[in-house]
Amino acid sequence: LRASWFCQNFSENFLLEQVQSGTVALPTVDVREP
C-alpha cells in the first residue's frame, strides 16, 4: 500500500497543535498533494 500524505496528519499528532494554534507553518508553497 503505497500511500500519499494522510489527511489525519492535520488532526493526529504531527500538525494538530499547529491547527489548534491557528497557524500551519510548513516549507511548501504551491506543491499539490492528493
Full PDB file with SEQRES, HELIX, SHEET, SSBOND, CRYST1, ORIGX, SCALE, CONECT and MASTER records, all heavy atoms in Angstrom:
SEQRES   1 A   34  LEU ARG ALA SER TRP PHE CYS GLN ASN PHE SER GLU ASN          
SEQRES   2 A   34  PHE LEU LEU GLU GLN VAL GLN SER GLY THR VAL ALA LEU          
SEQRES   3 A   34  PRO THR VAL ASP VAL ARG GLU PRO                              
HELIX    1 AA1 CYS A    7  PHE A   10  5                                   4    
HELIX    2 AA2 LEU A   16  SER A   21  1                                   6    
CRYST1    1.000    1.000    1.000  90.00  90.00  90.00 P 1           1          
ORIGX1      1.000000  0.000000  0.000000        0.00000                         
ORIGX2      0.000000  1.000000  0.000000        0.00000                         
ORIGX3      0.000000  0.000000  1.000000        0.00000                         
SCALE1      1.000000  0.000000  0.000000        0.00000                         
SCALE2      0.000000  1.000000  0.000000        0.00000                         
SCALE3      0.000000  0.000000  1.000000        0.00000                         
ATOM      1  N   LEU A   1       0.865  -1.172   0.000  1.00  0.00           N  
ATOM      2  CA  LEU A   1       0.000   0.000   0.000  1.00  0.00           C  
ATOM      3  C   LEU A   1       0.906   1.228   0.000  1.00  0.00           C  
ATOM      4  O   LEU A   1       1.473   1.591   1.029  1.00  0.00           O  
ATOM      5  CB  LEU A   1      -0.911   0.023   1.236  1.00  0.00           C  
ATOM      6  CG  LEU A   1      -1.626  -1.291   1.587  1.00  0.00           C  
ATOM      7  CD1 LEU A   1      -2.557  -1.067   2.764  1.00  0.00           C  
ATOM      8  CD2 LEU A   1      -2.369  -1.854   0.393  1.00  0.00           C  
ATOM      9  N   ARG A   2       1.056   1.840  -1.159  1.00  0.00           N  
ATOM     10  CA  ARG A   2       1.949   2.999  -1.294  1.00  0.00           C  
ATOM     11  C   ARG A   2       1.095   4.266  -1.193  1.00  0.00           C  
ATOM     12  O   ARG A   2       0.460   4.693  -2.152  1.00  0.00           O  
ATOM     13  CB  ARG A   2       2.690   2.931  -2.626  1.00  0.00           C  
ATOM     14  CG  ARG A   2       3.801   3.960  -2.767  1.00  0.00           C  
ATOM     15  CD  ARG A   2       4.407   3.903  -4.159  1.00  0.00           C  
ATOM     16  NE  ARG A   2       5.238   2.718  -4.354  1.00  0.00           N  
ATOM     17  CZ  ARG A   2       5.744   2.354  -5.540  1.00  0.00           C  
ATOM     18  NH1 ARG A   2       5.451   3.068  -6.622  1.00  0.00           N  
ATOM     19  NH2 ARG A   2       6.512   1.283  -5.640  1.00  0.00           N  
ATOM     20  N   ALA A   3       1.079   4.864  -0.023  1.00  0.00           N  
ATOM     21  CA  ALA A   3       0.127   5.930   0.280  1.00  0.00           C  
ATOM     22  C   ALA A   3       0.720   7.331   0.157  1.00  0.00           C  
ATOM     23  O   ALA A   3       1.901   7.556   0.406  1.00  0.00           O  
ATOM     24  CB  ALA A   3      -0.418   5.740   1.700  1.00  0.00           C  
ATOM     25  N   SER A   4      -0.135   8.276  -0.218  1.00  0.00           N  
ATOM     26  CA  SER A   4       0.227   9.689  -0.203  1.00  0.00           C  
ATOM     27  C   SER A   4       0.093  10.201   1.233  1.00  0.00           C  
ATOM     28  O   SER A   4      -0.183   9.441   2.164  1.00  0.00           O  
ATOM     29  CB  SER A   4      -0.666  10.485  -1.160  1.00  0.00           C  
ATOM     30  OG  SER A   4      -2.028  10.321  -0.833  1.00  0.00           O  
ATOM     31  N   TRP A   5       0.276  11.502   1.424  1.00  0.00           N  
ATOM     32  CA  TRP A   5       0.199  12.073   2.776  1.00  0.00           C  
ATOM     33  C   TRP A   5      -1.196  11.888   3.349  1.00  0.00           C  
ATOM     34  O   TRP A   5      -2.198  12.056   2.661  1.00  0.00           O  
ATOM     35  CB  TRP A   5       0.552  13.562   2.734  1.00  0.00           C  
ATOM     36  CG  TRP A   5       2.024  13.798   2.759  1.00  0.00           C  
ATOM     37  CD1 TRP A   5       2.914  13.503   1.765  1.00  0.00           C  
ATOM     38  CD2 TRP A   5       2.788  14.352   3.825  1.00  0.00           C  
ATOM     39  NE1 TRP A   5       4.188  13.844   2.151  1.00  0.00           N  
ATOM     40  CE2 TRP A   5       4.133  14.374   3.415  1.00  0.00           C  
ATOM     41  CE3 TRP A   5       2.463  14.837   5.084  1.00  0.00           C  
ATOM     42  CZ2 TRP A   5       5.164  14.853   4.219  1.00  0.00           C  
ATOM     43  CZ3 TRP A   5       3.471  15.322   5.884  1.00  0.00           C  
ATOM     44  CH2 TRP A   5       4.808  15.322   5.457  1.00  0.00           C  
ATOM     45  N   PHE A   6      -1.244  11.537   4.633  1.00  0.00           N  
ATOM     46  CA  PHE A   6      -2.520  11.279   5.298  1.00  0.00           C  
ATOM     47  C   PHE A   6      -3.265  12.596   5.588  1.00  0.00           C  
ATOM     48  O   PHE A   6      -2.667  13.564   6.071  1.00  0.00           O  
ATOM     49  CB  PHE A   6      -2.317  10.579   6.642  1.00  0.00           C  
ATOM     50  CG  PHE A   6      -1.587   9.271   6.583  1.00  0.00           C  
ATOM     51  CD1 PHE A   6      -1.167   8.664   7.763  1.00  0.00           C  
ATOM     52  CD2 PHE A   6      -1.314   8.636   5.386  1.00  0.00           C  
ATOM     53  CE1 PHE A   6      -0.487   7.461   7.736  1.00  0.00           C  
ATOM     54  CE2 PHE A   6      -0.639   7.435   5.343  1.00  0.00           C  
ATOM     55  CZ  PHE A   6      -0.227   6.839   6.538  1.00  0.00           C  
ATOM     56  N   CYS A   7      -4.557  12.605   5.360  1.00  0.00           N  
ATOM     57  CA  CYS A   7      -5.377  13.724   5.841  1.00  0.00           C  
ATOM     58  C   CYS A   7      -5.191  13.898   7.347  1.00  0.00           C  
ATOM     59  O   CYS A   7      -5.111  15.016   7.864  1.00  0.00           O  
ATOM     60  CB  CYS A   7      -6.850  13.447   5.553  1.00  0.00           C  
ATOM     61  SG  CYS A   7      -7.316  13.280   3.821  1.00  0.00           S  
ATOM     62  N   GLN A   8      -5.103  12.765   8.040  1.00  0.00           N  
ATOM     63  CA  GLN A   8      -5.058  12.783   9.504  1.00  0.00           C  
ATOM     64  C   GLN A   8      -3.784  13.391  10.074  1.00  0.00           C  
ATOM     65  O   GLN A   8      -3.689  13.583  11.292  1.00  0.00           O  
ATOM     66  CB  GLN A   8      -5.252  11.368  10.051  1.00  0.00           C  
ATOM     67  CG  GLN A   8      -6.696  10.897  10.071  1.00  0.00           C  
ATOM     68  CD  GLN A   8      -7.248  10.547   8.703  1.00  0.00           C  
ATOM     69  OE1 GLN A   8      -6.538  10.468   7.708  1.00  0.00           O  
ATOM     70  NE2 GLN A   8      -8.553  10.337   8.631  1.00  0.00           N  
ATOM     71  N   ASN A   9      -2.805  13.734   9.224  1.00  0.00           N  
ATOM     72  CA  ASN A   9      -1.640  14.452   9.743  1.00  0.00           C  
ATOM     73  C   ASN A   9      -2.041  15.809  10.315  1.00  0.00           C  
ATOM     74  O   ASN A   9      -1.311  16.389  11.116  1.00  0.00           O  
ATOM     75  CB  ASN A   9      -0.592  14.649   8.639  1.00  0.00           C  
ATOM     76  CG  ASN A   9       0.183  13.374   8.347  1.00  0.00           C  
ATOM     77  OD1 ASN A   9       0.359  12.532   9.219  1.00  0.00           O  
ATOM     78  ND2 ASN A   9       0.651  13.228   7.117  1.00  0.00           N  
ATOM     79  N   PHE A  10      -3.200  16.315   9.903  1.00  0.00           N  
ATOM     80  CA  PHE A  10      -3.676  17.592  10.417  1.00  0.00           C  
ATOM     81  C   PHE A  10      -4.442  17.453  11.741  1.00  0.00           C  
ATOM     82  O   PHE A  10      -4.737  18.461  12.378  1.00  0.00           O  
ATOM     83  CB  PHE A  10      -4.600  18.271   9.395  1.00  0.00           C  
ATOM     84  CG  PHE A  10      -3.895  18.783   8.176  1.00  0.00           C  
ATOM     85  CD1 PHE A  10      -3.826  18.013   7.022  1.00  0.00           C  
ATOM     86  CD2 PHE A  10      -3.308  20.039   8.175  1.00  0.00           C  
ATOM     87  CE1 PHE A  10      -3.188  18.478   5.879  1.00  0.00           C  
ATOM     88  CE2 PHE A  10      -2.662  20.516   7.042  1.00  0.00           C  
ATOM     89  CZ  PHE A  10      -2.595  19.731   5.891  1.00  0.00           C  
ATOM     90  N   SER A  11      -4.764  16.236  12.127  1.00  0.00           N  
ATOM     91  CA  SER A  11      -5.600  16.071  13.326  1.00  0.00           C  
ATOM     92  C   SER A  11      -5.081  15.041  14.315  1.00  0.00           C  
ATOM     93  O   SER A  11      -5.618  14.920  15.423  1.00  0.00           O  
ATOM     94  CB  SER A  11      -7.024  15.668  12.910  1.00  0.00           C  
ATOM     95  OG  SER A  11      -7.002  14.520  12.066  1.00  0.00           O  
ATOM     96  N   GLU A  12      -4.052  14.313  13.944  1.00  0.00           N  
ATOM     97  CA  GLU A  12      -3.494  13.315  14.858  1.00  0.00           C  
ATOM     98  C   GLU A  12      -1.979  13.490  14.900  1.00  0.00           C  
ATOM     99  O   GLU A  12      -1.281  13.149  13.949  1.00  0.00           O  
ATOM    100  CB  GLU A  12      -3.870  11.900  14.395  1.00  0.00           C  
ATOM    101  CG  GLU A  12      -5.372  11.662  14.383  1.00  0.00           C  
ATOM    102  CD  GLU A  12      -5.762  10.288  13.846  1.00  0.00           C  
ATOM    103  OE1 GLU A  12      -4.910   9.370  13.842  1.00  0.00           O  
ATOM    104  OE2 GLU A  12      -6.921  10.147  13.413  1.00  0.00           O  
ATOM    105  N   ASN A  13      -1.504  14.024  15.974  1.00  0.00           N  
ATOM    106  CA  ASN A  13      -0.078  14.220  16.221  1.00  0.00           C  
ATOM    107  C   ASN A  13       0.535  15.348  15.409  1.00  0.00           C  
ATOM    108  O   ASN A  13       0.432  16.506  15.784  1.00  0.00           O  
ATOM    109  CB  ASN A  13       0.711  12.917  16.004  1.00  0.00           C  
ATOM    110  CG  ASN A  13       0.212  11.801  16.901  1.00  0.00           C  
ATOM    111  OD1 ASN A  13      -0.150  12.040  18.031  1.00  0.00           O  
ATOM    112  ND2 ASN A  13       0.183  10.601  16.389  1.00  0.00           N  
ATOM    113  N   PHE A  14       1.112  15.062  14.240  1.00  0.00           N  
ATOM    114  CA  PHE A  14       2.056  15.930  13.552  1.00  0.00           C  
ATOM    115  C   PHE A  14       1.643  17.409  13.466  1.00  0.00           C  
ATOM    116  O   PHE A  14       2.310  18.286  13.997  1.00  0.00           O  
ATOM    117  CB  PHE A  14       2.344  15.372  12.160  1.00  0.00           C  
ATOM    118  CG  PHE A  14       3.273  16.201  11.324  1.00  0.00           C  
ATOM    119  CD1 PHE A  14       4.391  16.791  11.891  1.00  0.00           C  
ATOM    120  CD2 PHE A  14       3.023  16.392   9.985  1.00  0.00           C  
ATOM    121  CE1 PHE A  14       5.258  17.562  11.114  1.00  0.00           C  
ATOM    122  CE2 PHE A  14       3.884  17.146   9.208  1.00  0.00           C  
ATOM    123  CZ  PHE A  14       4.996  17.744   9.786  1.00  0.00           C  
ATOM    124  N   LEU A  15       0.529  17.707  12.811  1.00  0.00           N  
ATOM    125  CA  LEU A  15       0.134  19.100  12.589  1.00  0.00           C  
ATOM    126  C   LEU A  15      -1.027  19.546  13.474  1.00  0.00           C  
ATOM    127  O   LEU A  15      -1.496  20.681  13.350  1.00  0.00           O  
ATOM    128  CB  LEU A  15      -0.236  19.314  11.121  1.00  0.00           C  
ATOM    129  CG  LEU A  15       0.912  19.168  10.125  1.00  0.00           C  
ATOM    130  CD1 LEU A  15       0.388  19.248   8.696  1.00  0.00           C  
ATOM    131  CD2 LEU A  15       1.968  20.238  10.357  1.00  0.00           C  
ATOM    132  N   LEU A  16      -1.487  18.691  14.361  1.00  0.00           N  
ATOM    133  CA  LEU A  16      -2.642  19.025  15.197  1.00  0.00           C  
ATOM    134  C   LEU A  16      -2.421  20.293  16.011  1.00  0.00           C  
ATOM    135  O   LEU A  16      -3.264  21.196  16.029  1.00  0.00           O  
ATOM    136  CB  LEU A  16      -2.968  17.856  16.130  1.00  0.00           C  
ATOM    137  CG  LEU A  16      -4.044  18.136  17.194  1.00  0.00           C  
ATOM    138  CD1 LEU A  16      -5.356  18.551  16.534  1.00  0.00           C  
ATOM    139  CD2 LEU A  16      -4.241  16.917  18.079  1.00  0.00           C  
ATOM    140  N   GLU A  17      -1.289  20.382  16.682  1.00  0.00           N  
ATOM    141  CA  GLU A  17      -1.042  21.548  17.539  1.00  0.00           C  
ATOM    142  C   GLU A  17      -0.991  22.836  16.728  1.00  0.00           C  
ATOM    143  O   GLU A  17      -1.456  23.891  17.176  1.00  0.00           O  
ATOM    144  CB  GLU A  17       0.268  21.350  18.316  1.00  0.00           C  
ATOM    145  CG  GLU A  17       0.443  22.315  19.464  1.00  0.00           C  
ATOM    146  CD  GLU A  17       1.607  21.935  20.359  1.00  0.00           C  
ATOM    147  OE1 GLU A  17       1.639  20.771  20.821  1.00  0.00           O  
ATOM    148  OE2 GLU A  17       2.482  22.789  20.577  1.00  0.00           O  
ATOM    149  N   GLN A  18      -0.442  22.761  15.500  1.00  0.00           N  
ATOM    150  CA  GLN A  18      -0.394  23.947  14.653  1.00  0.00           C  
ATOM    151  C   GLN A  18      -1.803  24.401  14.274  1.00  0.00           C  
ATOM    152  O   GLN A  18      -2.118  25.594  14.312  1.00  0.00           O  
ATOM    153  CB  GLN A  18       0.429  23.668  13.396  1.00  0.00           C  
ATOM    154  CG  GLN A  18       1.922  23.537  13.647  1.00  0.00           C  
ATOM    155  CD  GLN A  18       2.724  23.676  12.360  1.00  0.00           C  
ATOM    156  OE1 GLN A  18       2.295  24.324  11.416  1.00  0.00           O  
ATOM    157  NE2 GLN A  18       3.905  23.072  12.336  1.00  0.00           N  
ATOM    158  N   VAL A  19      -2.657  23.444  13.889  1.00  0.00           N  
ATOM    159  CA  VAL A  19      -4.035  23.797  13.536  1.00  0.00           C  
ATOM    160  C   VAL A  19      -4.735  24.407  14.739  1.00  0.00           C  
ATOM    161  O   VAL A  19      -5.419  25.438  14.633  1.00  0.00           O  
ATOM    162  CB  VAL A  19      -4.810  22.567  13.024  1.00  0.00           C  
ATOM    163  CG1 VAL A  19      -6.277  22.930  12.786  1.00  0.00           C  
ATOM    164  CG2 VAL A  19      -4.190  22.039  11.736  1.00  0.00           C  
ATOM    165  N   GLN A  20      -4.563  23.814  15.901  1.00  0.00           N  
ATOM    166  CA  GLN A  20      -5.194  24.336  17.113  1.00  0.00           C  
ATOM    167  C   GLN A  20      -4.708  25.742  17.449  1.00  0.00           C  
ATOM    168  O   GLN A  20      -5.468  26.565  17.966  1.00  0.00           O  
ATOM    169  CB  GLN A  20      -4.927  23.392  18.283  1.00  0.00           C  
ATOM    170  CG  GLN A  20      -5.643  22.058  18.185  1.00  0.00           C  
ATOM    171  CD  GLN A  20      -5.229  21.087  19.294  1.00  0.00           C  
ATOM    172  OE1 GLN A  20      -4.092  21.091  19.738  1.00  0.00           O  
ATOM    173  NE2 GLN A  20      -6.152  20.249  19.717  1.00  0.00           N  
ATOM    174  N   SER A  21      -3.450  26.014  17.145  1.00  0.00           N  
ATOM    175  CA  SER A  21      -2.881  27.331  17.442  1.00  0.00           C  
ATOM    176  C   SER A  21      -3.335  28.398  16.454  1.00  0.00           C  
ATOM    177  O   SER A  21      -3.202  29.596  16.712  1.00  0.00           O  
ATOM    178  CB  SER A  21      -1.349  27.261  17.438  1.00  0.00           C  
ATOM    179  OG  SER A  21      -0.852  27.137  16.114  1.00  0.00           O  
ATOM    180  N   GLY A  22      -3.856  27.961  15.287  1.00  0.00           N  
ATOM    181  CA  GLY A  22      -4.326  28.910  14.293  1.00  0.00           C  
ATOM    182  C   GLY A  22      -3.330  29.207  13.193  1.00  0.00           C  
ATOM    183  O   GLY A  22      -3.620  29.992  12.287  1.00  0.00           O  
ATOM    184  N   THR A  23      -2.155  28.577  13.233  1.00  0.00           N  
ATOM    185  CA  THR A  23      -1.141  28.801  12.208  1.00  0.00           C  
ATOM    186  C   THR A  23      -0.496  27.486  11.802  1.00  0.00           C  
ATOM    187  O   THR A  23       0.069  26.785  12.641  1.00  0.00           O  
ATOM    188  CB  THR A  23      -0.033  29.751  12.717  1.00  0.00           C  
ATOM    189  OG1 THR A  23      -0.618  31.002  13.071  1.00  0.00           O  
ATOM    190  CG2 THR A  23       1.007  29.982  11.632  1.00  0.00           C  
ATOM    191  N   VAL A  24      -0.602  27.161  10.524  1.00  0.00           N  
ATOM    192  CA  VAL A  24       0.077  25.990   9.967  1.00  0.00           C  
ATOM    193  C   VAL A  24       1.282  26.510   9.194  1.00  0.00           C  
ATOM    194  O   VAL A  24       1.128  27.198   8.182  1.00  0.00           O  
ATOM    195  CB  VAL A  24      -0.850  25.178   9.046  1.00  0.00           C  
ATOM    196  CG1 VAL A  24      -0.080  24.040   8.390  1.00  0.00           C  
ATOM    197  CG2 VAL A  24      -2.036  24.638   9.839  1.00  0.00           C  
ATOM    198  N   ALA A  25       2.473  26.228   9.677  1.00  0.00           N  
ATOM    199  CA  ALA A  25       3.708  26.748   9.088  1.00  0.00           C  
ATOM    200  C   ALA A  25       4.556  25.599   8.569  1.00  0.00           C  
ATOM    201  O   ALA A  25       5.034  24.759   9.345  1.00  0.00           O  
ATOM    202  CB  ALA A  25       4.484  27.557  10.125  1.00  0.00           C  
ATOM    203  N   LEU A  26       4.760  25.546   7.236  1.00  0.00           N  
ATOM    204  CA  LEU A  26       5.470  24.441   6.603  1.00  0.00           C  
ATOM    205  C   LEU A  26       6.318  24.937   5.436  1.00  0.00           C  
ATOM    206  O   LEU A  26       6.009  25.974   4.844  1.00  0.00           O  
ATOM    207  CB  LEU A  26       4.468  23.396   6.082  1.00  0.00           C  
ATOM    208  CG  LEU A  26       3.593  22.700   7.126  1.00  0.00           C  
ATOM    209  CD1 LEU A  26       2.504  21.905   6.425  1.00  0.00           C  
ATOM    210  CD2 LEU A  26       4.425  21.802   8.019  1.00  0.00           C  
ATOM    211  N   PRO A  27       7.355  24.189   5.087  1.00  0.00           N  
ATOM    212  CA  PRO A  27       8.220  24.597   3.969  1.00  0.00           C  
ATOM    213  C   PRO A  27       7.712  24.126   2.611  1.00  0.00           C  
ATOM    214  O   PRO A  27       8.402  23.445   1.868  1.00  0.00           O  
ATOM    215  CB  PRO A  27       9.559  23.944   4.320  1.00  0.00           C  
ATOM    216  CG  PRO A  27       9.174  22.701   5.029  1.00  0.00           C  
ATOM    217  CD  PRO A  27       7.933  23.049   5.821  1.00  0.00           C  
ATOM    218  N   THR A  28       6.463  24.448   2.292  1.00  0.00           N  
ATOM    219  CA  THR A  28       5.915  24.176   0.969  1.00  0.00           C  
ATOM    220  C   THR A  28       5.095  25.387   0.550  1.00  0.00           C  
ATOM    221  O   THR A  28       4.575  26.111   1.393  1.00  0.00           O  
ATOM    222  CB  THR A  28       5.001  22.938   0.963  1.00  0.00           C  
ATOM    223  OG1 THR A  28       3.912  23.161   1.869  1.00  0.00           O  
ATOM    224  CG2 THR A  28       5.757  21.687   1.381  1.00  0.00           C  
ATOM    225  N   VAL A  29       4.975  25.596  -0.741  1.00  0.00           N  
ATOM    226  CA  VAL A  29       4.204  26.740  -1.213  1.00  0.00           C  
ATOM    227  C   VAL A  29       3.079  26.266  -2.139  1.00  0.00           C  
ATOM    228  O   VAL A  29       1.931  26.194  -1.758  1.00  0.00           O  
ATOM    229  CB  VAL A  29       5.110  27.763  -1.938  1.00  0.00           C  
ATOM    230  CG1 VAL A  29       4.286  28.984  -2.338  1.00  0.00           C  
ATOM    231  CG2 VAL A  29       6.252  28.202  -1.028  1.00  0.00           C  
ATOM    232  N   ASP A  30       3.428  25.909  -3.382  1.00  0.00           N  
ATOM    233  CA  ASP A  30       2.404  25.609  -4.378  1.00  0.00           C  
ATOM    234  C   ASP A  30       2.304  24.132  -4.755  1.00  0.00           C  
ATOM    235  O   ASP A  30       1.547  23.788  -5.661  1.00  0.00           O  
ATOM    236  CB  ASP A  30       2.665  26.422  -5.652  1.00  0.00           C  
ATOM    237  CG  ASP A  30       2.550  27.917  -5.386  1.00  0.00           C  
ATOM    238  OD1 ASP A  30       1.687  28.300  -4.582  1.00  0.00           O  
ATOM    239  OD2 ASP A  30       3.331  28.682  -5.973  1.00  0.00           O  
ATOM    240  N   VAL A  31       3.071  23.278  -4.118  1.00  0.00           N  
ATOM    241  CA  VAL A  31       3.030  21.854  -4.466  1.00  0.00           C  
ATOM    242  C   VAL A  31       1.682  21.261  -4.067  1.00  0.00           C  
ATOM    243  O   VAL A  31       1.201  21.478  -2.948  1.00  0.00           O  
ATOM    244  CB  VAL A  31       4.171  21.094  -3.770  1.00  0.00           C  
ATOM    245  CG1 VAL A  31       4.027  19.589  -3.988  1.00  0.00           C  
ATOM    246  CG2 VAL A  31       5.510  21.577  -4.280  1.00  0.00           C  
ATOM    247  N   ARG A  32       1.097  20.493  -4.969  1.00  0.00           N  
ATOM    248  CA  ARG A  32      -0.194  19.861  -4.693  1.00  0.00           C  
ATOM    249  C   ARG A  32      -0.001  18.419  -4.244  1.00  0.00           C  
ATOM    250  O   ARG A  32       0.834  17.706  -4.790  1.00  0.00           O  
ATOM    251  CB  ARG A  32      -1.098  19.912  -5.938  1.00  0.00           C  
ATOM    252  CG  ARG A  32      -1.501  21.326  -6.306  1.00  0.00           C  
ATOM    253  CD  ARG A  32      -2.502  21.380  -7.444  1.00  0.00           C  
ATOM    254  NE  ARG A  32      -2.925  22.759  -7.655  1.00  0.00           N  
ATOM    255  CZ  ARG A  32      -3.899  23.350  -6.971  1.00  0.00           C  
ATOM    256  NH1 ARG A  32      -4.570  22.649  -6.066  1.00  0.00           N  
ATOM    257  NH2 ARG A  32      -4.214  24.601  -7.205  1.00  0.00           N  
ATOM    258  N   GLU A  33      -0.782  18.029  -3.266  1.00  0.00           N  
ATOM    259  CA  GLU A  33      -0.706  16.680  -2.707  1.00  0.00           C  
ATOM    260  C   GLU A  33      -2.111  16.082  -2.670  1.00  0.00           C  
ATOM    261  O   GLU A  33      -3.041  16.693  -2.147  1.00  0.00           O  
ATOM    262  CB  GLU A  33      -0.122  16.732  -1.290  1.00  0.00           C  
ATOM    263  CG  GLU A  33      -0.071  15.405  -0.560  1.00  0.00           C  
ATOM    264  CD  GLU A  33       0.941  14.431  -1.138  1.00  0.00           C  
ATOM    265  OE1 GLU A  33       1.806  14.856  -1.933  1.00  0.00           O  
ATOM    266  OE2 GLU A  33       0.875  13.235  -0.780  1.00  0.00           O  
ATOM    267  N   PRO A  34      -2.303  14.867  -3.205  1.00  0.00           N  
ATOM    268  CA  PRO A  34      -3.617  14.211  -3.164  1.00  0.00           C  
ATOM    269  C   PRO A  34      -3.809  13.468  -1.842  1.00  0.00           C  
ATOM    270  O   PRO A  34      -3.757  12.240  -1.783  1.00  0.00           O  
ATOM    271  CB  PRO A  34      -3.574  13.259  -4.358  1.00  0.00           C  
ATOM    272  CG  PRO A  34      -2.122  12.912  -4.493  1.00  0.00           C  
ATOM    273  CD  PRO A  34      -1.349  14.115  -4.038  1.00  0.00           C  
TER     274      PRO A  34                                                      
MASTER        0    0    0    2    0    0    0    6  273    1    0    3          
END                                                                             
